[in-house]
Structures are given as C-alpha cells and as structure tokens.
Amino acid sequence: MKTPYFIENIDWTDLRTQKTLLLETINNDAVSPEHKDGLEGILALIDALQDFAVDEMDVNPIHVFDFELEDEREGHYHNRPVEEDNVDDVKTVCLCDNCGSDNVQTKMWVNVNDNTTSDSASDNDNGDNWCLDCETHPDLLPHTLKSDAKVVGFQVVGEDDTENEGEILDASFCIYNLSQAREMLNTDGNWRLLTIWEGDIEEPTYMFEGDPRN
C-alpha cells in the first residue's frame, strides 16, 4: 500500500508534543467538561492516526509514539496493554530513535582521579550518541518496557521519505540476526535496520539460531 501524502508529511515529533499539550489541557481541572469532551475527540483522532501509521503503513513506532507518555496514560508496552499485575515489573531504558535498539552508547566526561562520570559530554548533541546495531548517531529516547523485555532479532524496512517507505525486505514475519540484516541492507534501494522486540511479531519465523546480535 502506498503511503498517503498526509502521512508522509507529518512531523511526528511535533505531533507528539502537541498530543502532550492536549493531554495536559484535558487533565486541567479548570477546563469545563464540555471542552474536555471536544478535546478528547481530537485526542482519539490523533490516536487513530498514530495507530494507522504504525499498523498499516509500517512507520517506525519509535518515531510515532512517546512511549513514556503512553505508559503513564494507559499502561502500554509497544502499543500493547501491560497486564495490571505486572505494572511495577518494568524498566526504563534509552532506545535508538532510528532502529529501536537498546544497544546504544553516549559520550561522558570521566574524572581521572575518582572515575566518576558526568551525565553527558555535551548538551545532548546526538553526535555524542552511537547505536552499535544500526551504526548511526541517533537521538536517545527513554522508554518504559517490561523488565524481561528482550531483543529477539532484526528486520530491514524501507527508509522514511523514500519510495520504499513502509516496505519490509522479505516476509513481515521473518526475523534475522544482525549480520544477516546488515547483508540485506546492501541491496538496492534505501533501507534501514529495525530492531524486533519479543512480542512485536505474532508467530515469527526465525531465520537464524543463537544470539540475535551475531
């Protein structure tokens, strides 16, 4: 399915910010119930737009959702409900905004006398960040995941803003290890790595054995 023009031209960062402001307004006790009802209708439209982009157009959910905000609002994990009994059984990690991997690094200043480290090397310049999986300098986005969440493999998908956007190289249920996916990235066209977490794909077919990062 060709990605609709309006999806291609959405600035997801701006939309996430606007959604946050909308939720803050809805939760403001000074806002009348009538206004809240109207704003919740707009919020539902944004939710539907985000779900359509991810579920139907295969847009990277890392770009579309603010997972920390969704967790606070509805208890989502990768846009799926977390069972109430396990709400406390979570962890917060930073993920690569390009491929969704947690295999990321950032520069830090180290005190040579006591080996203490600073929070970062600079003012969150993404040039100071590095993803070991997709080998890019990404923004690092905090996400709340189940404590036992794990990476099970990788896929190669069409890069944003290209004719391949939303396409998956090979079958959508096939999962590869890192070296296999990197070989696939060398095919014709513009493609990018996508990290697959356990539960992201129902009944996946594993095209490898052993460590997904081999």
C-alpha atoms as a PDB file:
ATOM      1  CA  MET A   1       0.000   0.000   0.000  1.00  0.00           C
ATOM      2  CA  LYS A   2       1.378   3.382  -0.980  1.00  0.00           C
ATOM      3  CA  THR A   3       1.810   5.719   1.964  1.00  0.00           C
ATOM      4  CA  PRO A   4      -0.770   8.525   1.811  1.00  0.00           C
ATOM      5  CA  TYR A   5       0.561  12.027   1.226  1.00  0.00           C
ATOM      6  CA  PHE A   6      -0.707  13.285   4.582  1.00  0.00           C
ATOM      7  CA  ILE A   7       1.174  10.516   6.441  1.00  0.00           C
ATOM      8  CA  GLU A   8       4.421  11.197   4.588  1.00  0.00           C
ATOM      9  CA  ASN A   9       4.334  14.868   5.576  1.00  0.00           C
ATOM     10  CA  ILE A  10       3.542  14.525   9.263  1.00  0.00           C
ATOM     11  CA  ASP A  11       6.224  15.782  11.634  1.00  0.00           C
ATOM     12  CA  TRP A  12       5.848  13.089  14.306  1.00  0.00           C
ATOM     13  CA  THR A  13       7.985  14.993  16.809  1.00  0.00           C
ATOM     14  CA  ASP A  14       5.657  17.992  16.599  1.00  0.00           C
ATOM     15  CA  LEU A  15       2.599  15.743  16.803  1.00  0.00           C
ATOM     16  CA  ARG A  16       3.903  14.046  19.957  1.00  0.00           C
ATOM     17  CA  THR A  17       4.482  17.459  21.542  1.00  0.00           C
ATOM     18  CA  GLN A  18       1.007  18.641  20.544  1.00  0.00           C
ATOM     19  CA  LYS A  19      -0.513  15.463  21.957  1.00  0.00           C
ATOM     20  CA  THR A  20       1.281  16.036  25.265  1.00  0.00           C
ATOM     21  CA  LEU A  21      -0.072  19.585  25.467  1.00  0.00           C
ATOM     22  CA  LEU A  22      -3.542  18.325  24.594  1.00  0.00           C
ATOM     23  CA  LEU A  23      -3.447  15.739  27.399  1.00  0.00           C
ATOM     24  CA  GLU A  24      -2.245  18.367  29.876  1.00  0.00           C
ATOM     25  CA  THR A  25      -5.193  20.577  28.899  1.00  0.00           C
ATOM     26  CA  ILE A  26      -7.694  17.719  29.218  1.00  0.00           C
ATOM     27  CA  ASN A  27      -6.351  16.897  32.687  1.00  0.00           C
ATOM     28  CA  ASN A  28      -6.602  20.520  33.810  1.00  0.00           C
ATOM     29  CA  ASP A  29      -9.428  20.825  36.349  1.00  0.00           C
ATOM     30  CA  ALA A  30     -10.085  24.384  35.172  1.00  0.00           C
ATOM     31  CA  VAL A  31     -11.275  23.111  31.774  1.00  0.00           C
ATOM     32  CA  SER A  32     -15.033  22.578  31.529  1.00  0.00           C
ATOM     33  CA  PRO A  33     -16.444  19.054  30.931  1.00  0.00           C
ATOM     34  CA  GLU A  34     -17.861  20.190  27.570  1.00  0.00           C
ATOM     35  CA  HIS A  35     -14.447  21.392  26.397  1.00  0.00           C
ATOM     36  CA  LYS A  36     -12.826  18.186  27.667  1.00  0.00           C
ATOM     37  CA  ASP A  37     -15.268  16.069  25.649  1.00  0.00           C
ATOM     38  CA  GLY A  38     -14.382  18.002  22.489  1.00  0.00           C
ATOM     39  CA  LEU A  39     -10.638  17.765  23.127  1.00  0.00           C
ATOM     40  CA  GLU A  40     -10.881  14.018  23.818  1.00  0.00           C
ATOM     41  CA  GLY A  41     -12.428  13.639  20.365  1.00  0.00           C
ATOM     42  CA  ILE A  42      -9.367  15.312  18.836  1.00  0.00           C
ATOM     43  CA  LEU A  43      -7.139  13.093  21.003  1.00  0.00           C
ATOM     44  CA  ALA A  44      -8.925   9.984  19.683  1.00  0.00           C
ATOM     45  CA  LEU A  45      -8.266  11.199  16.142  1.00  0.00           C
ATOM     46  CA  ILE A  46      -4.545  11.549  16.885  1.00  0.00           C
ATOM     47  CA  ASP A  47      -4.509   8.054  18.438  1.00  0.00           C
ATOM     48  CA  ALA A  48      -6.167   6.603  15.337  1.00  0.00           C
ATOM     49  CA  LEU A  49      -3.704   8.409  13.077  1.00  0.00           C
ATOM     50  CA  GLN A  50      -0.721   7.070  15.021  1.00  0.00           C
ATOM     51  CA  ASP A  51      -2.118   3.521  15.037  1.00  0.00           C
ATOM     52  CA  PHE A  52      -2.776   3.677  11.285  1.00  0.00           C
ATOM     53  CA  ALA A  53       0.762   4.888  10.595  1.00  0.00           C
ATOM     54  CA  VAL A  54       2.332   2.064  12.630  1.00  0.00           C
ATOM     55  CA  ASP A  55      -0.070  -0.816  11.978  1.00  0.00           C
ATOM     56  CA  GLU A  56      -0.948  -0.184   8.325  1.00  0.00           C
ATOM     57  CA  MET A  57       1.933   1.910   6.945  1.00  0.00           C
ATOM     58  CA  ASP A  58       4.720   0.263   8.991  1.00  0.00           C
ATOM     59  CA  VAL A  59       6.101   3.609  10.145  1.00  0.00           C
ATOM     60  CA  ASN A  60       8.696   3.058  12.879  1.00  0.00           C
ATOM     61  CA  PRO A  61       6.781   3.323  16.220  1.00  0.00           C
ATOM     62  CA  ILE A  62       9.876   4.900  17.780  1.00  0.00           C
ATOM     63  CA  HIS A  63       9.157   7.969  15.634  1.00  0.00           C
ATOM     64  CA  VAL A  64       5.390   7.943  16.150  1.00  0.00           C
ATOM     65  CA  PHE A  65       4.822   7.336  19.872  1.00  0.00           C
ATOM     66  CA  ASP A  66       6.057   8.880  23.085  1.00  0.00           C
ATOM     67  CA  PHE A  67       6.089   5.543  24.926  1.00  0.00           C
ATOM     68  CA  GLU A  68       6.703   7.127  28.326  1.00  0.00           C
ATOM     69  CA  LEU A  69       3.611   9.295  27.847  1.00  0.00           C
ATOM     70  CA  GLU A  70       1.539   6.327  26.651  1.00  0.00           C
ATOM     71  CA  ASP A  71       2.680   4.270  29.658  1.00  0.00           C
ATOM     72  CA  GLU A  72       1.541   6.993  32.039  1.00  0.00           C
ATOM     73  CA  ARG A  73      -1.754   7.344  30.222  1.00  0.00           C
ATOM     74  CA  GLU A  74      -2.857   3.774  29.532  1.00  0.00           C
ATOM     75  CA  GLY A  75      -0.116   1.337  30.557  1.00  0.00           C
ATOM     76  CA  HIS A  76       1.113   0.458  27.056  1.00  0.00           C
ATOM     77  CA  TYR A  77       4.123  -1.598  26.108  1.00  0.00           C
ATOM     78  CA  HIS A  78       4.976  -1.237  22.443  1.00  0.00           C
ATOM     79  CA  ASN A  79       1.391  -0.050  21.963  1.00  0.00           C
ATOM     80  CA  ARG A  80       0.008  -3.136  23.724  1.00  0.00           C
ATOM     81  CA  PRO A  81      -1.567  -3.187  27.226  1.00  0.00           C
ATOM     82  CA  VAL A  82       0.597  -4.227  30.162  1.00  0.00           C
ATOM     83  CA  GLU A  83      -1.269  -6.576  32.488  1.00  0.00           C
ATOM     84  CA  GLU A  84      -2.182  -4.781  35.695  1.00  0.00           C
ATOM     85  CA  ASP A  85      -0.473  -7.365  37.890  1.00  0.00           C
ATOM     86  CA  ASN A  86       2.833  -6.592  36.153  1.00  0.00           C
ATOM     87  CA  VAL A  87       2.677  -2.786  36.026  1.00  0.00           C
ATOM     88  CA  ASP A  88       5.502  -2.487  38.573  1.00  0.00           C
ATOM     89  CA  ASP A  89       7.618  -5.075  36.769  1.00  0.00           C
ATOM     90  CA  VAL A  90       9.115  -2.594  34.311  1.00  0.00           C
ATOM     91  CA  LYS A  91      12.388  -0.910  33.437  1.00  0.00           C
ATOM     92  CA  THR A  92      13.230   2.402  31.768  1.00  0.00           C
ATOM     93  CA  VAL A  93      15.841   2.290  29.015  1.00  0.00           C
ATOM     94  CA  CYS A  94      17.076   4.610  26.285  1.00  0.00           C
ATOM     95  CA  LEU A  95      16.432   3.397  22.745  1.00  0.00           C
ATOM     96  CA  CYS A  96      17.885   4.444  19.397  1.00  0.00           C
ATOM     97  CA  ASP A  97      15.327   6.614  17.588  1.00  0.00           C
ATOM     98  CA  ASN A  98      16.419   5.173  14.251  1.00  0.00           C
ATOM     99  CA  CYS A  99      16.115   1.406  14.777  1.00  0.00           C
ATOM    100  CA  GLY A 100      14.654   0.987  18.283  1.00  0.00           C
ATOM    101  CA  SER A 101      17.694  -0.792  19.738  1.00  0.00           C
ATOM    102  CA  ASP A 102      18.870  -0.566  23.338  1.00  0.00           C
ATOM    103  CA  ASN A 103      22.459  -1.307  22.261  1.00  0.00           C
ATOM    104  CA  VAL A 104      23.434   2.353  22.461  1.00  0.00           C
ATOM    105  CA  GLN A 105      26.256   4.474  23.851  1.00  0.00           C
ATOM    106  CA  THR A 106      26.845   8.137  24.701  1.00  0.00           C
ATOM    107  CA  LYS A 107      29.969  10.144  25.451  1.00  0.00           C
ATOM    108  CA  MET A 108      30.678  11.136  29.045  1.00  0.00           C
ATOM    109  CA  TRP A 109      33.363  13.050  30.867  1.00  0.00           C
ATOM    110  CA  VAL A 110      35.279  10.886  33.348  1.00  0.00           C
ATOM    111  CA  ASN A 111      37.103  12.269  36.359  1.00  0.00           C
ATOM    112  CA  VAL A 112      40.547  10.668  36.082  1.00  0.00           C
ATOM    113  CA  ASN A 113      41.088  10.806  39.851  1.00  0.00           C
ATOM    114  CA  ASP A 114      37.954   9.131  41.172  1.00  0.00           C
ATOM    115  CA  ASN A 115      36.487   7.614  37.963  1.00  0.00           C
ATOM    116  CA  THR A 116      33.154   9.379  38.449  1.00  0.00           C
ATOM    117  CA  THR A 117      31.283  10.299  35.275  1.00  0.00           C
ATOM    118  CA  SER A 118      29.184  13.274  34.291  1.00  0.00           C
ATOM    119  CA  ASP A 119      25.666  12.951  32.900  1.00  0.00           C
ATOM    120  CA  SER A 120      26.846  13.623  29.341  1.00  0.00           C
ATOM    121  CA  ALA A 121      29.690  15.053  27.318  1.00  0.00           C
ATOM    122  CA  SER A 122      27.680  17.950  25.920  1.00  0.00           C
ATOM    123  CA  ASP A 123      24.173  19.400  25.679  1.00  0.00           C
ATOM    124  CA  ASN A 124      22.541  16.225  24.329  1.00  0.00           C
ATOM    125  CA  ASP A 125      24.121  16.671  20.902  1.00  0.00           C
ATOM    126  CA  ASN A 126      23.160  13.468  19.077  1.00  0.00           C
ATOM    127  CA  GLY A 127      26.651  13.432  17.588  1.00  0.00           C
ATOM    128  CA  ASP A 128      27.708  12.212  21.021  1.00  0.00           C
ATOM    129  CA  ASN A 129      25.431   9.154  20.772  1.00  0.00           C
ATOM    130  CA  TRP A 130      26.129   5.946  18.892  1.00  0.00           C
ATOM    131  CA  CYS A 131      23.993   2.883  18.133  1.00  0.00           C
ATOM    132  CA  LEU A 132      26.079  -0.271  17.866  1.00  0.00           C
ATOM    133  CA  ASP A 133      23.367  -2.056  15.873  1.00  0.00           C
ATOM    134  CA  CYS A 134      22.390   0.368  13.094  1.00  0.00           C
ATOM    135  CA  GLU A 135      25.718   2.276  13.326  1.00  0.00           C
ATOM    136  CA  THR A 136      24.214   5.770  13.360  1.00  0.00           C
ATOM    137  CA  HIS A 137      24.367   8.816  15.636  1.00  0.00           C
ATOM    138  CA  PRO A 138      20.777   8.785  16.925  1.00  0.00           C
ATOM    139  CA  ASP A 139      18.744  10.679  19.458  1.00  0.00           C
ATOM    140  CA  LEU A 140      18.281   8.518  22.551  1.00  0.00           C
ATOM    141  CA  LEU A 141      14.663   8.328  23.686  1.00  0.00           C
ATOM    142  CA  PRO A 142      13.650   6.981  27.135  1.00  0.00           C
ATOM    143  CA  HIS A 143      11.060   4.195  27.057  1.00  0.00           C
ATOM    144  CA  THR A 144       9.414   2.098  29.735  1.00  0.00           C
ATOM    145  CA  LEU A 145       9.476  -1.620  28.934  1.00  0.00           C
ATOM    146  CA  LYS A 146       8.703  -4.826  30.764  1.00  0.00           C
ATOM    147  CA  SER A 147      11.646  -5.821  32.932  1.00  0.00           C
ATOM    148  CA  ASP A 148      12.118  -9.022  30.918  1.00  0.00           C
ATOM    149  CA  ALA A 149      11.789  -7.324  27.504  1.00  0.00           C
ATOM    150  CA  LYS A 150      14.469  -8.526  25.120  1.00  0.00           C
ATOM    151  CA  VAL A 151      15.595  -8.059  21.537  1.00  0.00           C
ATOM    152  CA  VAL A 152      14.893 -11.205  19.506  1.00  0.00           C
ATOM    153  CA  GLY A 153      16.195 -10.144  16.091  1.00  0.00           C
ATOM    154  CA  PHE A 154      16.032  -7.602  13.299  1.00  0.00           C
ATOM    155  CA  GLN A 155      14.262  -6.720  10.082  1.00  0.00           C
ATOM    156  CA  VAL A 156      15.119  -4.374   7.228  1.00  0.00           C
ATOM    157  CA  VAL A 157      12.424  -1.869   6.286  1.00  0.00           C
ATOM    158  CA  GLY A 158      12.031   0.966   3.809  1.00  0.00           C
ATOM    159  CA  GLU A 159      13.700   4.202   4.856  1.00  0.00           C
ATOM    160  CA  ASP A 160      11.466   7.171   5.642  1.00  0.00           C
ATOM    161  CA  ASP A 161      10.699   9.598   2.791  1.00  0.00           C
ATOM    162  CA  THR A 162      11.620   7.147   0.033  1.00  0.00           C
ATOM    163  CA  GLU A 163       9.689   5.010  -2.394  1.00  0.00           C
ATOM    164  CA  ASN A 164      10.395   2.040  -0.120  1.00  0.00           C
ATOM    165  CA  GLU A 165       8.877   3.616   2.981  1.00  0.00           C
ATOM    166  CA  GLY A 166       6.870   1.103   4.963  1.00  0.00           C
ATOM    167  CA  GLU A 167       8.027  -1.886   2.913  1.00  0.00           C
ATOM    168  CA  ILE A 168       9.706  -4.825   4.609  1.00  0.00           C
ATOM    169  CA  LEU A 169      12.551  -6.585   2.873  1.00  0.00           C
ATOM    170  CA  ASP A 170      11.400 -10.218   2.702  1.00  0.00           C
ATOM    171  CA  ALA A 171       8.373 -11.528   4.648  1.00  0.00           C
ATOM    172  CA  SER A 172       6.979  -9.452   7.502  1.00  0.00           C
ATOM    173  CA  PHE A 173       7.056 -12.440   9.875  1.00  0.00           C
ATOM    174  CA  CYS A 174      10.735 -13.295   9.232  1.00  0.00           C
ATOM    175  CA  ILE A 175      13.332 -12.232  11.797  1.00  0.00           C
ATOM    176  CA  TYR A 176      17.082 -12.172  11.165  1.00  0.00           C
ATOM    177  CA  ASN A 177      20.208 -11.810  13.245  1.00  0.00           C
ATOM    178  CA  LEU A 178      22.272  -8.633  12.980  1.00  0.00           C
ATOM    179  CA  SER A 179      24.814  -9.903  10.458  1.00  0.00           C
ATOM    180  CA  GLN A 180      22.065 -11.220   8.155  1.00  0.00           C
ATOM    181  CA  ALA A 181      20.178  -7.916   8.371  1.00  0.00           C
ATOM    182  CA  ARG A 182      23.319  -5.931   7.579  1.00  0.00           C
ATOM    183  CA  GLU A 183      23.852  -8.012   4.450  1.00  0.00           C
ATOM    184  CA  MET A 184      20.266  -7.254   3.420  1.00  0.00           C
ATOM    185  CA  LEU A 185      20.922  -3.539   3.886  1.00  0.00           C
ATOM    186  CA  ASN A 186      23.377  -3.731   0.992  1.00  0.00           C
ATOM    187  CA  THR A 187      20.583  -4.448  -1.501  1.00  0.00           C
ATOM    188  CA  ASP A 188      19.400  -1.837  -3.978  1.00  0.00           C
ATOM    189  CA  GLY A 189      17.206   0.898  -2.552  1.00  0.00           C
ATOM    190  CA  ASN A 190      17.127   2.857   0.676  1.00  0.00           C
ATOM    191  CA  TRP A 191      16.579   0.657   3.692  1.00  0.00           C
ATOM    192  CA  ARG A 192      17.162   0.824   7.419  1.00  0.00           C
ATOM    193  CA  LEU A 193      17.508  -1.588  10.298  1.00  0.00           C
ATOM    194  CA  LEU A 194      14.545  -2.220  12.601  1.00  0.00           C
ATOM    195  CA  THR A 195      15.028  -3.864  15.989  1.00  0.00           C
ATOM    196  CA  ILE A 196      12.417  -6.520  16.822  1.00  0.00           C
ATOM    197  CA  TRP A 197      11.489  -6.991  20.473  1.00  0.00           C
ATOM    198  CA  GLU A 198       9.830 -10.104  21.851  1.00  0.00           C
ATOM    199  CA  GLY A 199       6.104  -9.848  21.185  1.00  0.00           C
ATOM    200  CA  ASP A 200       6.393  -7.348  18.316  1.00  0.00           C
ATOM    201  CA  ILE A 201       5.532 -10.036  15.755  1.00  0.00           C
ATOM    202  CA  GLU A 202       2.951 -12.744  16.303  1.00  0.00           C
ATOM    203  CA  GLU A 203       4.264 -16.227  15.414  1.00  0.00           C
ATOM    204  CA  PRO A 204       7.611 -15.059  13.955  1.00  0.00           C
ATOM    205  CA  THR A 205       9.866 -17.233  11.801  1.00  0.00           C
ATOM    206  CA  TYR A 206      13.480 -17.099  12.960  1.00  0.00           C
ATOM    207  CA  MET A 207      15.977 -17.247  10.102  1.00  0.00           C
ATOM    208  CA  PHE A 208      18.907 -17.913  12.454  1.00  0.00           C
ATOM    209  CA  GLU A 209      19.920 -19.750  15.609  1.00  0.00           C
ATOM    210  CA  GLY A 210      21.639 -18.357  18.666  1.00  0.00           C
ATOM    211  CA  ASP A 211      22.411 -14.747  19.579  1.00  0.00           C
ATOM    212  CA  PRO A 212      20.363 -12.222  17.541  1.00  0.00           C
ATOM    213  CA  ARG A 213      23.343  -9.841  17.564  1.00  0.00           C
ATOM    214  CA  ASN A 214      25.733 -12.305  15.927  1.00  0.00           C
END
